[in-house]
Amino acid sequence: MKITTIIENSTVTHNLLCSHGQALLIEDEKYKILFDVGEIAENLVYNLEQMKISRDDITHIVLSHNHIDHSGAMIKLKNFFLKSKLFITDDFETQHLKPMGSKYKYLKNYDSSNVNLSYSKNELEYLKNATVTTRGQQIIPNLYTTGSLDATPHEQSLIYNQKEKGINIILGCSHPGIEKIVEESINVTGNNKVRSIIGGLHLNKMDKTEVEKISKFLKRLNLEAIFTNHCTGIQQTIWLKEFLGDIVKFSKTFSIGVGNAIDIGDIITFDFA
């Protein structure tokens, strides 16, 4: 299975666009799955075209949660991926308002004091035919969703089960916490060997002591690799590397970075600019 970053906060690859958020392409011989779509539809479409990935080949779209930096592009792309099966969490209708801050000043979906990080009510209509993943289930052979895990907002992760080699957990933003996500991934697959963790760990507001605590949990898993992305945080990624050593993998962007790819087979390999 190959995992390629289509949208992420950063890139050093020429002629690809980055933007705050995440979108990953997960593919095997038969299926191509977009796990999240980022916030800006034009960026996603542009990068797919530059990477010569046809929208008609996307068989599934799984949205990890309703925050616009992971799913906002779907608002404009509702007629773009007509052949793709769409999976969402069970709380997409829940609004998530945050106090207005400078990082949100160019967004339009806010009132005088708040910004809505989720979908507005008039943007939800086209999701009515999506599959709601309340519980863990298989998406395609050997690829599962954790189902909607309780957090603000509810969030699902994906799990690639390699049987005796272990499970590979693919994260959106880890709002439920990595401990809960790992626990549910084991419950869903029945496989208690965790091989790798890929994606956003949501450590970017943690201090070094808090990151060390997470690192101790991760160390007990005896992972082969951790690939950090998006909301993990640059300083926090450096601390992870300090605590866990060479199992922490990242590109020059201190993340996977747009255009970079990971191959998970008998061995885990990666091609990072």
Protein backbone atom coordinates (compact mmCIF):
# COMPACT_ATOMS: atom_id res chain seq x y z
CA MET A 1 0.00 0.00 0.00
CA LYS A 2 1.25 3.46 -0.90
CA ILE A 3 0.41 6.68 0.96
CA THR A 4 1.10 10.00 -0.77
CA THR A 5 0.62 13.46 0.73
CA ILE A 6 -1.58 15.58 -1.56
CA ILE A 7 -2.26 18.48 0.82
CA GLU A 8 -0.26 19.45 3.90
CA ASN A 9 1.07 22.58 5.59
CA SER A 10 4.40 22.53 3.77
CA THR A 11 6.40 21.30 0.80
CA VAL A 12 9.83 21.70 -0.77
CA THR A 13 8.66 20.08 -4.01
CA HIS A 14 8.53 22.44 -6.97
CA ASN A 15 5.17 23.06 -8.69
CA LEU A 16 2.99 21.63 -5.91
CA LEU A 17 0.88 23.73 -3.55
CA CYS A 18 0.73 23.54 0.23
CA SER A 19 -1.97 24.87 2.56
CA HIS A 20 -2.95 24.37 6.18
CA GLY A 21 -4.63 20.97 6.54
CA GLN A 22 -4.16 17.47 5.23
CA ALA A 23 -5.17 15.16 2.39
CA LEU A 24 -3.58 11.75 1.84
CA LEU A 25 -3.94 9.38 -1.11
CA ILE A 26 -3.99 5.74 -0.03
CA GLU A 27 -3.71 3.26 -2.88
CA ASP A 28 -3.18 -0.40 -3.70
CA GLU A 29 -3.51 -2.30 -6.98
CA LYS A 30 -7.29 -1.87 -7.10
CA TYR A 31 -8.37 1.11 -4.97
CA LYS A 32 -7.49 4.77 -4.55
CA ILE A 33 -8.78 6.42 -1.38
CA LEU A 34 -8.57 10.09 -0.47
CA PHE A 35 -8.30 10.42 3.29
CA ASP A 36 -9.38 14.03 3.79
CA VAL A 37 -9.36 16.69 1.09
CA GLY A 38 -7.89 19.78 2.74
CA GLU A 39 -9.53 23.19 2.86
CA ILE A 40 -8.97 24.74 -0.57
CA ALA A 41 -10.55 22.82 -3.43
CA GLU A 42 -8.42 24.49 -6.08
CA ASN A 43 -5.23 23.36 -4.32
CA LEU A 44 -6.37 19.74 -4.18
CA VAL A 45 -7.43 19.70 -7.83
CA TYR A 46 -4.19 21.37 -8.93
CA ASN A 47 -1.96 18.94 -7.02
CA LEU A 48 -3.88 15.91 -8.28
CA GLU A 49 -3.42 17.15 -11.83
CA GLN A 50 0.28 17.87 -11.35
CA MET A 51 0.77 14.39 -9.88
CA LYS A 52 -1.23 12.87 -12.77
CA ILE A 53 -3.89 11.38 -10.49
CA SER A 54 -7.27 11.19 -12.20
CA ARG A 55 -10.34 12.11 -10.15
CA ASP A 56 -12.17 9.25 -11.90
CA ASP A 57 -9.75 6.78 -10.29
CA ILE A 58 -10.64 7.87 -6.75
CA THR A 59 -12.85 5.03 -5.49
CA HIS A 60 -13.44 6.29 -1.92
CA ILE A 61 -13.22 9.51 0.07
CA VAL A 62 -13.02 9.26 3.85
CA LEU A 63 -13.30 12.49 5.85
CA SER A 64 -11.64 12.17 9.24
CA HIS A 65 -13.69 14.97 10.84
CA ASN A 66 -15.67 18.07 10.00
CA HIS A 67 -13.00 20.74 10.46
CA ILE A 68 -12.58 22.72 7.27
CA ASP A 69 -8.80 22.17 7.02
CA HIS A 70 -9.51 18.47 6.50
CA SER A 71 -12.88 18.45 4.77
CA GLY A 72 -13.73 21.99 3.64
CA ALA A 73 -12.75 21.41 0.01
CA MET A 74 -15.64 18.94 -0.39
CA ILE A 75 -18.08 21.86 -0.42
CA LYS A 76 -16.84 22.89 -3.86
CA LEU A 77 -15.99 19.36 -4.99
CA LYS A 78 -19.42 17.79 -4.48
CA ASN A 79 -19.78 17.39 -8.26
CA PHE A 80 -16.12 16.59 -8.87
CA PHE A 81 -15.84 13.11 -7.34
CA LEU A 82 -19.16 11.69 -8.51
CA LYS A 83 -17.83 8.12 -8.75
CA SER A 84 -16.35 8.06 -5.24
CA LYS A 85 -18.00 6.53 -2.17
CA LEU A 86 -18.03 9.08 0.67
CA PHE A 87 -17.61 8.24 4.37
CA ILE A 88 -18.11 10.78 7.16
CA THR A 89 -18.27 10.81 10.95
CA ASP A 90 -21.51 10.89 12.91
CA ASP A 91 -21.35 14.54 14.00
CA PHE A 92 -20.87 16.45 10.74
CA GLU A 93 -23.92 18.57 11.58
CA THR A 94 -22.34 19.77 14.83
CA GLN A 95 -21.05 23.34 14.62
CA HIS A 96 -17.65 24.14 16.10
CA LEU A 97 -17.24 27.82 16.91
CA LYS A 98 -13.97 29.27 18.16
CA PRO A 99 -13.08 32.81 19.21
CA MET A 100 -11.96 34.88 16.28
CA GLY A 101 -8.17 35.14 16.07
CA SER A 102 -5.61 36.48 13.61
CA LYS A 103 -5.03 33.05 12.03
CA TYR A 104 -8.70 33.01 10.92
CA LYS A 105 -8.97 36.60 9.70
CA TYR A 106 -9.25 35.69 6.00
CA LEU A 107 -12.03 33.14 6.49
CA LYS A 108 -15.56 34.15 5.58
CA ASN A 109 -17.54 31.77 7.79
CA TYR A 110 -17.48 33.79 11.00
CA ASP A 111 -19.65 36.30 12.80
CA SER A 112 -18.42 39.29 14.76
CA SER A 113 -16.77 37.23 17.48
CA ASN A 114 -16.49 33.60 16.31
CA VAL A 115 -15.20 31.51 13.44
CA ASN A 116 -16.93 28.27 12.45
CA LEU A 117 -14.30 25.55 11.95
CA SER A 118 -16.92 23.09 10.69
CA TYR A 119 -19.53 23.05 7.94
CA SER A 120 -22.30 25.64 8.00
CA LYS A 121 -25.81 24.19 7.99
CA ASN A 122 -26.49 25.15 4.38
CA GLU A 123 -23.37 23.24 3.26
CA LEU A 124 -24.49 19.89 4.67
CA GLU A 125 -27.23 18.98 2.21
CA TYR A 126 -25.07 17.09 -0.27
CA LEU A 127 -23.69 14.86 2.51
CA LYS A 128 -27.06 13.19 3.02
CA ASN A 129 -26.07 10.21 0.85
CA ALA A 130 -22.71 9.66 2.55
CA THR A 131 -22.03 6.60 4.68
CA VAL A 132 -21.85 7.56 8.36
CA THR A 133 -19.17 5.52 10.11
CA THR A 134 -20.52 5.33 13.62
CA ARG A 135 -18.56 2.15 14.37
CA GLY A 136 -15.37 0.56 13.11
CA GLN A 137 -15.80 -1.20 9.77
CA GLN A 138 -13.90 -2.40 6.72
CA ILE A 139 -13.66 0.11 3.86
CA ILE A 140 -11.78 -2.13 1.42
CA PRO A 141 -9.95 -5.43 2.04
CA ASN A 142 -7.46 -4.94 4.89
CA LEU A 143 -8.30 -1.23 5.33
CA TYR A 144 -10.60 -0.25 8.19
CA THR A 145 -11.97 2.85 9.84
CA THR A 146 -11.98 3.19 13.61
CA GLY A 147 -15.45 4.67 13.33
CA SER A 148 -16.37 7.97 14.96
CA LEU A 149 -14.39 8.39 18.17
CA ASP A 150 -15.62 10.78 20.82
CA ALA A 151 -13.79 14.12 20.83
CA THR A 152 -14.44 17.71 19.77
CA PRO A 153 -15.10 17.03 16.97
CA HIS A 154 -15.71 13.29 16.54
CA GLU A 155 -12.97 11.80 14.41
CA GLN A 156 -12.12 8.61 12.54
CA SER A 157 -8.71 7.21 11.63
CA LEU A 158 -7.86 4.52 9.10
CA ILE A 159 -6.10 1.22 9.79
CA TYR A 160 -4.16 -0.85 7.27
CA ASN A 161 -3.99 -4.38 8.68
CA GLN A 162 -1.02 -6.45 7.54
CA LYS A 163 -1.93 -9.37 9.76
CA GLU A 164 1.27 -10.84 11.25
CA LYS A 165 3.32 -7.75 10.36
CA GLY A 166 0.95 -5.52 12.33
CA ILE A 167 -1.39 -2.61 11.80
CA ASN A 168 -0.54 0.78 10.32
CA ILE A 169 -2.64 3.62 11.72
CA ILE A 170 -3.32 6.59 9.43
CA LEU A 171 -4.33 9.74 11.30
CA GLY A 172 -6.31 12.83 10.44
CA CYS A 173 -5.74 15.18 13.37
CA SER A 174 -5.82 12.90 16.45
CA HIS A 175 -8.40 14.95 18.36
CA PRO A 176 -9.43 11.87 20.39
CA GLY A 177 -5.79 11.38 21.46
CA ILE A 178 -3.33 8.86 20.06
CA GLU A 179 -3.84 6.48 23.01
CA LYS A 180 -7.57 6.16 22.30
CA ILE A 181 -6.98 5.82 18.54
CA VAL A 182 -4.46 3.01 19.05
CA GLU A 183 -6.79 1.24 21.48
CA GLU A 184 -9.72 1.37 19.07
CA SER A 185 -7.56 0.33 16.11
CA ILE A 186 -6.59 -2.81 18.00
CA ASN A 187 -10.23 -3.46 18.95
CA VAL A 188 -11.47 -3.06 15.37
CA THR A 189 -8.85 -5.30 13.75
CA GLY A 190 -8.19 -7.73 16.58
CA ASN A 191 -4.48 -7.17 15.92
CA ASN A 192 -2.49 -5.83 18.86
CA LYS A 193 0.77 -5.37 16.98
CA VAL A 194 1.14 -1.75 15.85
CA ARG A 195 3.70 -1.40 13.05
CA SER A 196 3.55 2.29 12.10
CA ILE A 197 1.69 5.54 12.72
CA ILE A 198 1.24 8.10 9.93
CA GLY A 199 -0.32 11.58 9.98
CA GLY A 200 -1.24 14.41 12.32
CA LEU A 201 -0.64 13.78 16.03
CA HIS A 202 -2.03 17.12 17.26
CA LEU A 203 0.93 17.84 19.53
CA ASN A 204 1.50 21.40 18.28
CA LYS A 205 0.33 23.09 21.48
CA MET A 206 2.06 20.68 23.88
CA ASP A 207 5.15 21.49 25.92
CA LYS A 208 8.14 19.17 26.12
CA THR A 209 6.90 17.37 29.24
CA GLU A 210 3.59 16.55 27.56
CA VAL A 211 5.35 15.33 24.40
CA GLU A 212 7.62 13.15 26.52
CA LYS A 213 4.56 11.51 28.09
CA ILE A 214 3.14 10.73 24.63
CA SER A 215 6.57 9.44 23.57
CA LYS A 216 6.66 6.98 26.45
CA PHE A 217 3.32 5.56 25.30
CA LEU A 218 4.53 5.31 21.71
CA LYS A 219 7.80 3.66 22.77
CA ARG A 220 5.88 0.85 24.47
CA LEU A 221 4.30 -0.03 21.11
CA ASN A 222 7.68 -1.05 19.61
CA LEU A 223 6.87 0.73 16.36
CA GLU A 224 8.93 0.46 13.19
CA ALA A 225 8.14 4.03 12.14
CA ILE A 226 6.25 7.21 12.96
CA PHE A 227 5.66 9.64 10.08
CA THR A 228 4.57 13.06 11.35
CA ASN A 229 2.35 15.49 9.46
CA HIS A 230 0.22 18.64 9.66
CA CYS A 231 -0.75 19.39 13.28
CA THR A 232 2.13 17.53 14.97
CA GLY A 233 4.18 20.73 15.18
CA ILE A 234 7.78 21.37 14.19
CA GLN A 235 9.21 21.73 17.69
CA GLN A 236 7.12 18.81 18.91
CA THR A 237 8.40 16.65 16.04
CA ILE A 238 11.97 17.52 17.02
CA TRP A 239 11.19 16.47 20.60
CA LEU A 240 9.63 13.20 19.37
CA LYS A 241 12.85 12.50 17.49
CA GLU A 242 14.85 13.29 20.62
CA PHE A 243 12.78 10.90 22.74
CA LEU A 244 12.21 8.09 20.20
CA GLY A 245 15.17 8.25 17.85
CA ASP A 246 15.27 7.01 14.28
CA ILE A 247 11.75 5.59 14.19
CA VAL A 248 10.52 9.19 13.78
CA LYS A 249 10.62 9.98 10.05
CA PHE A 250 10.12 13.36 8.37
CA SER A 251 11.26 15.34 5.35
CA LYS A 252 13.01 18.71 5.21
CA THR A 253 9.66 20.27 6.18
CA PHE A 254 9.64 18.44 9.56
CA SER A 255 6.58 16.58 8.25
CA ILE A 256 5.85 14.18 5.42
CA GLY A 257 5.26 17.19 3.15
CA VAL A 258 3.25 17.55 -0.05
CA GLY A 259 4.41 15.25 -2.86
CA ASN A 260 6.20 12.75 -0.62
CA ALA A 261 5.18 9.10 -0.36
CA ILE A 262 5.43 6.07 1.92
CA ASP A 263 5.29 2.45 0.69
CA ILE A 264 4.14 -0.15 3.18
CA GLY A 265 4.92 -3.70 2.12
CA ASP A 266 7.24 -6.35 3.53
CA ILE A 267 9.37 -3.39 4.51
CA ILE A 268 8.42 0.27 4.95
CA THR A 269 10.15 2.59 2.51
CA PHE A 270 9.70 6.29 1.82
CA ASP A 271 10.62 8.80 -0.87
CA PHE A 272 11.02 12.23 0.72
CA ALA A 273 12.30 15.40 -0.94
